Amino acid sequence: MKKDNVSRPVSELIKEVLGTISRPYPENITDQVCLAIQKKSDWRNRYNRLVRSYSKWSVNSQIGRSTLQITGLKNLGLRAKATSSLIKTYTRLG
């Protein structure tokens, strides 16, 4: 599937999740978003459907891009090990 097809549904999911996370966002906001998706069954089901349609790599890459764009934070260029089981690493934002 084309990357463009995955961006809108992932972006909508990320907007919902970010609406539940207090500002200012921490540097590990991408990991926090994934943890929230992992813990809430509704979001986890949506994530799983997206992965089945587009691939885990495409969905997870778009989660990172959407989180960066929606929060307006900058990429700090620092990779970190994720605590969420949905991803292995993430880039710190600030």
PDB file of N, CA and C in Angstrom:
ATOM      1  N   MET A   1       0.831  -1.190   0.000  1.00  0.00           N
ATOM      2  CA  MET A   1       0.000   0.000   0.000  1.00  0.00           C
ATOM      3  C   MET A   1       0.875   1.254   0.000  1.00  0.00           C
ATOM      4  N   LYS A   2       0.329   2.322  -0.498  1.00  0.00           N
ATOM      5  CA  LYS A   2       1.072   3.568  -0.556  1.00  0.00           C
ATOM      6  C   LYS A   2       1.120   4.240   0.813  1.00  0.00           C
ATOM      7  N   LYS A   3       2.245   4.902   1.068  1.00  0.00           N
ATOM      8  CA  LYS A   3       2.439   5.596   2.342  1.00  0.00           C
ATOM      9  C   LYS A   3       1.327   6.603   2.594  1.00  0.00           C
ATOM     10  N   ASP A   4       0.879   7.286   1.544  1.00  0.00           N
ATOM     11  CA  ASP A   4      -0.162   8.303   1.693  1.00  0.00           C
ATOM     12  C   ASP A   4      -1.435   7.726   2.298  1.00  0.00           C
ATOM     13  N   ASN A   5      -1.735   6.496   1.973  1.00  0.00           N
ATOM     14  CA  ASN A   5      -2.955   5.871   2.473  1.00  0.00           C
ATOM     15  C   ASN A   5      -2.918   5.659   3.981  1.00  0.00           C
ATOM     16  N   VAL A   6      -1.754   5.429   4.540  1.00  0.00           N
ATOM     17  CA  VAL A   6      -1.644   5.165   5.967  1.00  0.00           C
ATOM     18  C   VAL A   6      -1.589   6.458   6.785  1.00  0.00           C
ATOM     19  N   SER A   7      -1.188   7.567   6.187  1.00  0.00           N
ATOM     20  CA  SER A   7      -0.959   8.772   6.979  1.00  0.00           C
ATOM     21  C   SER A   7      -2.220   9.313   7.636  1.00  0.00           C
ATOM     22  N   ARG A   8      -3.337   9.358   6.927  1.00  0.00           N
ATOM     23  CA  ARG A   8      -4.549   9.936   7.515  1.00  0.00           C
ATOM     24  C   ARG A   8      -5.091   9.116   8.684  1.00  0.00           C
ATOM     25  N   PRO A   9      -5.300   7.793   8.541  1.00  0.00           N
ATOM     26  CA  PRO A   9      -5.832   7.054   9.694  1.00  0.00           C
ATOM     27  C   PRO A   9      -4.885   7.033  10.887  1.00  0.00           C
ATOM     28  N   VAL A  10      -3.584   6.988  10.642  1.00  0.00           N
ATOM     29  CA  VAL A  10      -2.641   7.012  11.760  1.00  0.00           C
ATOM     30  C   VAL A  10      -2.665   8.391  12.420  1.00  0.00           C
ATOM     31  N   SER A  11      -2.682   9.435  11.618  1.00  0.00           N
ATOM     32  CA  SER A  11      -2.720  10.794  12.147  1.00  0.00           C
ATOM     33  C   SER A  11      -3.966  11.011  13.008  1.00  0.00           C
ATOM     34  N   GLU A  12      -5.098  10.501  12.576  1.00  0.00           N
ATOM     35  CA  GLU A  12      -6.335  10.630  13.363  1.00  0.00           C
ATOM     36  C   GLU A  12      -6.203   9.912  14.708  1.00  0.00           C
ATOM     37  N   LEU A  13      -5.603   8.730  14.691  1.00  0.00           N
ATOM     38  CA  LEU A  13      -5.389   7.990  15.932  1.00  0.00           C
ATOM     39  C   LEU A  13      -4.453   8.763  16.854  1.00  0.00           C
ATOM     40  N   ILE A  14      -3.371   9.293  16.318  1.00  0.00           N
ATOM     41  CA  ILE A  14      -2.399  10.021  17.135  1.00  0.00           C
ATOM     42  C   ILE A  14      -3.024  11.278  17.737  1.00  0.00           C
ATOM     43  N   LYS A  15      -3.849  11.985  16.979  1.00  0.00           N
ATOM     44  CA  LYS A  15      -4.539  13.170  17.517  1.00  0.00           C
ATOM     45  C   LYS A  15      -5.395  12.795  18.724  1.00  0.00           C
ATOM     46  N   GLU A  16      -6.118  11.680  18.617  1.00  0.00           N
ATOM     47  CA  GLU A  16      -6.944  11.216  19.746  1.00  0.00           C
ATOM     48  C   GLU A  16      -6.086  10.917  20.960  1.00  0.00           C
ATOM     49  N   VAL A  17      -5.014  10.175  20.742  1.00  0.00           N
ATOM     50  CA  VAL A  17      -4.137   9.781  21.849  1.00  0.00           C
ATOM     51  C   VAL A  17      -3.507  11.017  22.491  1.00  0.00           C
ATOM     52  N   LEU A  18      -2.974  11.924  21.684  1.00  0.00           N
ATOM     53  CA  LEU A  18      -2.337  13.128  22.224  1.00  0.00           C
ATOM     54  C   LEU A  18      -3.314  13.987  23.019  1.00  0.00           C
ATOM     55  N   GLY A  19      -4.589  13.899  22.689  1.00  0.00           N
ATOM     56  CA  GLY A  19      -5.604  14.627  23.440  1.00  0.00           C
ATOM     57  C   GLY A  19      -5.729  14.173  24.884  1.00  0.00           C
ATOM     58  N   THR A  20      -5.157  13.024  25.199  1.00  0.00           N
ATOM     59  CA  THR A  20      -5.228  12.484  26.562  1.00  0.00           C
ATOM     60  C   THR A  20      -3.918  12.665  27.325  1.00  0.00           C
ATOM     61  N   ILE A  21      -2.910  13.251  26.675  1.00  0.00           N
ATOM     62  CA  ILE A  21      -1.588  13.416  27.295  1.00  0.00           C
ATOM     63  C   ILE A  21      -1.366  14.895  27.578  1.00  0.00           C
ATOM     64  N   SER A  22      -0.997  15.196  28.823  1.00  0.00           N
ATOM     65  CA  SER A  22      -0.803  16.584  29.256  1.00  0.00           C
ATOM     66  C   SER A  22       0.425  17.222  28.627  1.00  0.00           C
ATOM     67  N   ARG A  23       0.294  18.523  28.351  1.00  0.00           N
ATOM     68  CA  ARG A  23       1.430  19.318  27.907  1.00  0.00           C
ATOM     69  C   ARG A  23       2.115  19.908  29.112  1.00  0.00           C
ATOM     70  N   PRO A  24       3.361  20.282  29.042  1.00  0.00           N
ATOM     71  CA  PRO A  24       4.243  20.123  27.895  1.00  0.00           C
ATOM     72  C   PRO A  24       4.575  18.644  27.682  1.00  0.00           C
ATOM     73  N   TYR A  25       4.688  18.284  26.416  1.00  0.00           N
ATOM     74  CA  TYR A  25       4.979  16.901  26.087  1.00  0.00           C
ATOM     75  C   TYR A  25       6.421  16.561  26.463  1.00  0.00           C
ATOM     76  N   PRO A  26       6.632  15.354  27.000  1.00  0.00           N
ATOM     77  CA  PRO A  26       7.998  14.937  27.346  1.00  0.00           C
ATOM     78  C   PRO A  26       8.785  14.526  26.095  1.00  0.00           C
ATOM     79  N   GLU A  27      10.085  14.396  26.243  1.00  0.00           N
ATOM     80  CA  GLU A  27      10.941  13.984  25.133  1.00  0.00           C
ATOM     81  C   GLU A  27      10.561  12.601  24.603  1.00  0.00           C
ATOM     82  N   ASN A  28       9.993  11.773  25.465  1.00  0.00           N
ATOM     83  CA  ASN A  28       9.614  10.411  25.059  1.00  0.00           C
ATOM     84  C   ASN A  28       8.142  10.328  24.640  1.00  0.00           C
ATOM     85  N   ILE A  29       7.611  11.407  24.085  1.00  0.00           N
ATOM     86  CA  ILE A  29       6.194  11.460  23.722  1.00  0.00           C
ATOM     87  C   ILE A  29       5.806  10.353  22.737  1.00  0.00           C
ATOM     88  N   THR A  30       6.681  10.003  21.819  1.00  0.00           N
ATOM     89  CA  THR A  30       6.362   8.939  20.866  1.00  0.00           C
ATOM     90  C   THR A  30       6.168   7.620  21.599  1.00  0.00           C
ATOM     91  N   ASP A  31       7.031   7.330  22.564  1.00  0.00           N
ATOM     92  CA  ASP A  31       6.892   6.118  23.369  1.00  0.00           C
ATOM     93  C   ASP A  31       5.615   6.187  24.208  1.00  0.00           C
ATOM     94  N   GLN A  32       5.299   7.365  24.743  1.00  0.00           N
ATOM     95  CA  GLN A  32       4.084   7.536  25.539  1.00  0.00           C
ATOM     96  C   GLN A  32       2.832   7.296  24.695  1.00  0.00           C
ATOM     97  N   VAL A  33       2.844   7.776  23.456  1.00  0.00           N
ATOM     98  CA  VAL A  33       1.732   7.551  22.535  1.00  0.00           C
ATOM     99  C   VAL A  33       1.557   6.049  22.300  1.00  0.00           C
ATOM    100  N   CYS A  34       2.662   5.363  22.046  1.00  0.00           N
ATOM    101  CA  CYS A  34       2.588   3.916  21.792  1.00  0.00           C
ATOM    102  C   CYS A  34       2.119   3.155  23.033  1.00  0.00           C
ATOM    103  N   LEU A  35       2.567   3.573  24.206  1.00  0.00           N
ATOM    104  CA  LEU A  35       2.099   2.942  25.453  1.00  0.00           C
ATOM    105  C   LEU A  35       0.597   3.130  25.622  1.00  0.00           C
ATOM    106  N   ALA A  36       0.106   4.324  25.311  1.00  0.00           N
ATOM    107  CA  ALA A  36      -1.332   4.587  25.429  1.00  0.00           C
ATOM    108  C   ALA A  36      -2.117   3.719  24.451  1.00  0.00           C
ATOM    109  N   ILE A  37      -1.629   3.589  23.225  1.00  0.00           N
ATOM    110  CA  ILE A  37      -2.290   2.733  22.230  1.00  0.00           C
ATOM    111  C   ILE A  37      -2.291   1.296  22.717  1.00  0.00           C
ATOM    112  N   GLN A  38      -1.182   0.859  23.247  1.00  0.00           N
ATOM    113  CA  GLN A  38      -1.022  -0.509  23.735  1.00  0.00           C
ATOM    114  C   GLN A  38      -2.013  -0.823  24.866  1.00  0.00           C
ATOM    115  N   LYS A  39      -2.268   0.151  25.738  1.00  0.00           N
ATOM    116  CA  LYS A  39      -3.078  -0.083  26.938  1.00  0.00           C
ATOM    117  C   LYS A  39      -4.580   0.020  26.709  1.00  0.00           C
ATOM    118  N   LYS A  40      -5.012   0.823  25.739  1.00  0.00           N
ATOM    119  CA  LYS A  40      -6.450   1.012  25.521  1.00  0.00           C
ATOM    120  C   LYS A  40      -6.902   0.115  24.373  1.00  0.00           C
ATOM    121  N   SER A  41      -7.807  -0.809  24.666  1.00  0.00           N
ATOM    122  CA  SER A  41      -8.179  -1.828  23.675  1.00  0.00           C
ATOM    123  C   SER A  41      -8.739  -1.252  22.382  1.00  0.00           C
ATOM    124  N   ASP A  42      -9.514  -0.177  22.446  1.00  0.00           N
ATOM    125  CA  ASP A  42     -10.055   0.449  21.246  1.00  0.00           C
ATOM    126  C   ASP A  42      -8.924   0.922  20.329  1.00  0.00           C
ATOM    127  N   TRP A  43      -7.951   1.623  20.910  1.00  0.00           N
ATOM    128  CA  TRP A  43      -6.820   2.118  20.121  1.00  0.00           C
ATOM    129  C   TRP A  43      -5.955   0.965  19.636  1.00  0.00           C
ATOM    130  N   ARG A  44      -5.768  -0.040  20.488  1.00  0.00           N
ATOM    131  CA  ARG A  44      -4.945  -1.195  20.101  1.00  0.00           C
ATOM    132  C   ARG A  44      -5.582  -1.930  18.927  1.00  0.00           C
ATOM    133  N   ASN A  45      -6.904  -2.068  18.943  1.00  0.00           N
ATOM    134  CA  ASN A  45      -7.601  -2.727  17.836  1.00  0.00           C
ATOM    135  C   ASN A  45      -7.431  -1.938  16.542  1.00  0.00           C
ATOM    136  N   ARG A  46      -7.538  -0.624  16.619  1.00  0.00           N
ATOM    137  CA  ARG A  46      -7.327   0.221  15.429  1.00  0.00           C
ATOM    138  C   ARG A  46      -5.899   0.075  14.915  1.00  0.00           C
ATOM    139  N   TYR A  47      -4.943   0.093  15.846  1.00  0.00           N
ATOM    140  CA  TYR A  47      -3.533  -0.095  15.480  1.00  0.00           C
ATOM    141  C   TYR A  47      -3.351  -1.438  14.770  1.00  0.00           C
ATOM    142  N   ASN A  48      -3.901  -2.494  15.330  1.00  0.00           N
ATOM    143  CA  ASN A  48      -3.763  -3.831  14.738  1.00  0.00           C
ATOM    144  C   ASN A  48      -4.369  -3.894  13.340  1.00  0.00           C
ATOM    145  N   ARG A  49      -5.515  -3.244  13.141  1.00  0.00           N
ATOM    146  CA  ARG A  49      -6.124  -3.210  11.803  1.00  0.00           C
ATOM    147  C   ARG A  49      -5.225  -2.469  10.814  1.00  0.00           C
ATOM    148  N   LEU A  50      -4.653  -1.373  11.260  1.00  0.00           N
ATOM    149  CA  LEU A  50      -3.744  -0.616  10.394  1.00  0.00           C
ATOM    150  C   LEU A  50      -2.517  -1.450  10.024  1.00  0.00           C
ATOM    151  N   VAL A  51      -1.969  -2.163  11.000  1.00  0.00           N
ATOM    152  CA  VAL A  51      -0.801  -3.012  10.745  1.00  0.00           C
ATOM    153  C   VAL A  51      -1.150  -4.106   9.731  1.00  0.00           C
ATOM    154  N   ARG A  52      -2.319  -4.693   9.865  1.00  0.00           N
ATOM    155  CA  ARG A  52      -2.740  -5.724   8.908  1.00  0.00           C
ATOM    156  C   ARG A  52      -2.890  -5.139   7.500  1.00  0.00           C
ATOM    157  N   SER A  53      -3.343  -3.901   7.403  1.00  0.00           N
ATOM    158  CA  SER A  53      -3.557  -3.277   6.102  1.00  0.00           C
ATOM    159  C   SER A  53      -2.277  -2.735   5.473  1.00  0.00           C
ATOM    160  N   TYR A  54      -1.377  -2.196   6.281  1.00  0.00           N
ATOM    161  CA  TYR A  54      -0.247  -1.451   5.731  1.00  0.00           C
ATOM    162  C   TYR A  54       1.138  -1.993   6.093  1.00  0.00           C
ATOM    163  N   SER A  55       1.279  -2.758   7.121  1.00  0.00           N
ATOM    164  CA  SER A  55       2.521  -3.323   7.665  1.00  0.00           C
ATOM    165  C   SER A  55       2.914  -2.564   8.938  1.00  0.00           C
ATOM    166  N   LYS A  56       3.554  -3.294   9.827  1.00  0.00           N
ATOM    167  CA  LYS A  56       3.973  -2.709  11.101  1.00  0.00           C
ATOM    168  C   LYS A  56       4.980  -1.580  10.870  1.00  0.00           C
ATOM    169  N   TRP A  57       5.906  -1.785   9.936  1.00  0.00           N
ATOM    170  CA  TRP A  57       6.916  -0.771   9.660  1.00  0.00           C
ATOM    171  C   TRP A  57       6.266   0.530   9.192  1.00  0.00           C
ATOM    172  N   SER A  58       5.329   0.440   8.260  1.00  0.00           N
ATOM    173  CA  SER A  58       4.663   1.638   7.735  1.00  0.00           C
ATOM    174  C   SER A  58       3.885   2.371   8.817  1.00  0.00           C
ATOM    175  N   VAL A  59       3.134   1.624   9.609  1.00  0.00           N
ATOM    176  CA  VAL A  59       2.321   2.236  10.668  1.00  0.00           C
ATOM    177  C   VAL A  59       3.213   2.888  11.724  1.00  0.00           C
ATOM    178  N   ASN A  60       4.241   2.169  12.175  1.00  0.00           N
ATOM    179  CA  ASN A  60       5.111   2.716  13.218  1.00  0.00           C
ATOM    180  C   ASN A  60       5.900   3.929  12.727  1.00  0.00           C
ATOM    181  N   SER A  61       6.334   3.890  11.471  1.00  0.00           N
ATOM    182  CA  SER A  61       7.021   5.058  10.911  1.00  0.00           C
ATOM    183  C   SER A  61       6.087   6.259  10.887  1.00  0.00           C
ATOM    184  N   GLN A  62       4.847   6.023  10.514  1.00  0.00           N
ATOM    185  CA  GLN A  62       3.872   7.107  10.455  1.00  0.00           C
ATOM    186  C   GLN A  62       3.504   7.604  11.849  1.00  0.00           C
ATOM    187  N   ILE A  63       3.507   6.741  12.841  1.00  0.00           N
ATOM    188  CA  ILE A  63       3.271   7.180  14.224  1.00  0.00           C
ATOM    189  C   ILE A  63       4.343   8.200  14.605  1.00  0.00           C
ATOM    190  N   GLY A  64       5.589   7.903  14.296  1.00  0.00           N
ATOM    191  CA  GLY A  64       6.677   8.833  14.600  1.00  0.00           C
ATOM    192  C   GLY A  64       6.518  10.152  13.870  1.00  0.00           C
ATOM    193  N   ARG A  65       6.226  10.095  12.564  1.00  0.00           N
ATOM    194  CA  ARG A  65       6.051  11.324  11.774  1.00  0.00           C
ATOM    195  C   ARG A  65       4.861  12.134  12.267  1.00  0.00           C
ATOM    196  N   SER A  66       3.741  11.460  12.508  1.00  0.00           N
ATOM    197  CA  SER A  66       2.534  12.168  12.955  1.00  0.00           C
ATOM    198  C   SER A  66       2.739  12.806  14.321  1.00  0.00           C
ATOM    199  N   THR A  67       3.391  12.096  15.218  1.00  0.00           N
ATOM    200  CA  THR A  67       3.640  12.640  16.552  1.00  0.00           C
ATOM    201  C   THR A  67       4.505  13.890  16.449  1.00  0.00           C
ATOM    202  N   LEU A  68       5.534  13.840  15.618  1.00  0.00           N
ATOM    203  CA  LEU A  68       6.401  14.994  15.410  1.00  0.00           C
ATOM    204  C   LEU A  68       5.609  16.177  14.851  1.00  0.00           C
ATOM    205  N   GLN A  69       4.816  15.940  13.823  1.00  0.00           N
ATOM    206  CA  GLN A  69       4.066  17.013  13.165  1.00  0.00           C
ATOM    207  C   GLN A  69       2.979  17.599  14.070  1.00  0.00           C
ATOM    208  N   ILE A  70       2.209  16.745  14.714  1.00  0.00           N
ATOM    209  CA  ILE A  70       1.070  17.214  15.510  1.00  0.00           C
ATOM    210  C   ILE A  70       1.525  17.967  16.759  1.00  0.00           C
ATOM    211  N   THR A  71       2.590  17.487  17.394  1.00  0.00           N
ATOM    212  CA  THR A  71       3.063  18.160  18.613  1.00  0.00           C
ATOM    213  C   THR A  71       3.809  19.442  18.306  1.00  0.00           C
ATOM    214  N   GLY A  72       4.360  19.551  17.094  1.00  0.00           N
ATOM    215  CA  GLY A  72       5.149  20.727  16.754  1.00  0.00           C
ATOM    216  C   GLY A  72       6.525  20.730  17.390  1.00  0.00           C
ATOM    217  N   LEU A  73       6.919  19.587  17.964  1.00  0.00           N
ATOM    218  CA  LEU A  73       8.238  19.482  18.592  1.00  0.00           C
ATOM    219  C   LEU A  73       9.301  19.273  17.525  1.00  0.00           C
ATOM    220  N   LYS A  74      10.551  19.371  17.935  1.00  0.00           N
ATOM    221  CA  LYS A  74      11.689  19.161  17.041  1.00  0.00           C
ATOM    222  C   LYS A  74      12.296  17.786  17.308  1.00  0.00           C
ATOM    223  N   ASN A  75      12.850  17.210  16.250  1.00  0.00           N
ATOM    224  CA  ASN A  75      13.578  15.956  16.370  1.00  0.00           C
ATOM    225  C   ASN A  75      14.918  16.275  17.026  1.00  0.00           C
ATOM    226  N   LEU A  76      15.184  15.674  18.193  1.00  0.00           N
ATOM    227  CA  LEU A  76      16.430  15.940  18.908  1.00  0.00           C
ATOM    228  C   LEU A  76      17.584  15.079  18.398  1.00  0.00           C
ATOM    229  N   GLY A  77      17.292  14.149  17.492  1.00  0.00           N
ATOM    230  CA  GLY A  77      18.335  13.312  16.913  1.00  0.00           C
ATOM    231  C   GLY A  77      18.880  12.263  17.861  1.00  0.00           C
ATOM    232  N   LEU A  78      18.167  12.003  18.939  1.00  0.00           N
ATOM    233  CA  LEU A  78      18.604  11.014  19.924  1.00  0.00           C
ATOM    234  C   LEU A  78      17.641   9.837  19.925  1.00  0.00           C
ATOM    235  N   ARG A  79      18.168   8.659  19.628  1.00  0.00           N
ATOM    236  CA  ARG A  79      17.333   7.458  19.647  1.00  0.00           C
ATOM    237  C   ARG A  79      17.334   6.874  21.055  1.00  0.00           C
ATOM    238  N   ALA A  80      16.210   6.279  21.419  1.00  0.00           N
ATOM    239  CA  ALA A  80      16.089   5.676  22.742  1.00  0.00           C
ATOM    240  C   ALA A  80      15.342   4.354  22.628  1.00  0.00           C
ATOM    241  N   LYS A  81      15.602   3.464  23.566  1.00  0.00           N
ATOM    242  CA  LYS A  81      14.913   2.171  23.618  1.00  0.00           C
ATOM    243  C   LYS A  81      13.511   2.394  24.159  1.00  0.00           C
ATOM    244  N   ALA A  82      12.526   1.845  23.488  1.00  0.00           N
ATOM    245  CA  ALA A  82      11.127   2.043  23.876  1.00  0.00           C
ATOM    246  C   ALA A  82      10.733   1.152  25.048  1.00  0.00           C
ATOM    247  N   THR A  83       9.789   1.635  25.848  1.00  0.00           N
ATOM    248  CA  THR A  83       9.188   0.800  26.881  1.00  0.00           C
ATOM    249  C   THR A  83       7.927   0.126  26.340  1.00  0.00           C
ATOM    250  N   SER A  84       7.326   0.705  25.313  1.00  0.00           N
ATOM    251  CA  SER A  84       6.157   0.113  24.663  1.00  0.00           C
ATOM    252  C   SER A  84       6.584  -1.114  23.870  1.00  0.00           C
ATOM    253  N   SER A  85       5.722  -2.105  23.832  1.00  0.00           N
ATOM    254  CA  SER A  85       6.026  -3.309  23.047  1.00  0.00           C
ATOM    255  C   SER A  85       5.682  -3.124  21.566  1.00  0.00           C
ATOM    256  N   LEU A  86       5.045  -2.013  21.215  1.00  0.00           N
ATOM    257  CA  LEU A  86       4.683  -1.788  19.816  1.00  0.00           C
ATOM    258  C   LEU A  86       5.887  -1.385  18.978  1.00  0.00           C
ATOM    259  N   ILE A  87       6.854  -0.733  19.598  1.00  0.00           N
ATOM    260  CA  ILE A  87       8.045  -0.249  18.892  1.00  0.00           C
ATOM    261  C   ILE A  87       9.279  -0.701  19.660  1.00  0.00           C
ATOM    262  N   LYS A  88      10.418  -0.702  18.977  1.00  0.00           N
ATOM    263  CA  LYS A  88      11.675  -1.063  19.640  1.00  0.00           C
ATOM    264  C   LYS A  88      12.442   0.181  20.079  1.00  0.00           C
ATOM    265  N   THR A  89      12.474   1.192  19.211  1.00  0.00           N
ATOM    266  CA  THR A  89      13.161   2.437  19.519  1.00  0.00           C
ATOM    267  C   THR A  89      12.307   3.604  19.038  1.00  0.00           C
ATOM    268  N   TYR A  90      12.661   4.788  19.477  1.00  0.00           N
ATOM    269  CA  TYR A  90      11.994   6.002  19.032  1.00  0.00           C
ATOM    270  C   TYR A  90      13.010   7.134  19.095  1.00  0.00           C
ATOM    271  N   THR A  91      12.697   8.225  18.446  1.00  0.00           N
ATOM    272  CA  THR A  91      13.555   9.406  18.473  1.00  0.00           C
ATOM    273  C   THR A  91      12.984  10.397  19.474  1.00  0.00           C
ATOM    274  N   ARG A  92      13.835  10.911  20.330  1.00  0.00           N
ATOM    275  CA  ARG A  92      13.393  11.896  21.338  1.00  0.00           C
ATOM    276  C   ARG A  92      13.015  13.207  20.649  1.00  0.00           C
ATOM    277  N   LEU A  93      11.950  13.814  21.148  1.00  0.00           N
ATOM    278  CA  LEU A  93      11.470  15.086  20.609  1.00  0.00           C
ATOM    279  C   LEU A  93      11.535  16.150  21.692  1.00  0.00           C
ATOM    280  N   GLY A  94      11.752  17.375  21.291  1.00  0.00           N
ATOM    281  CA  GLY A  94      11.802  18.432  22.289  1.00  0.00           C
ATOM    282  C   GLY A  94      11.578  19.803  21.701  1.00  0.00           C
TER     283      GLY A  94
END
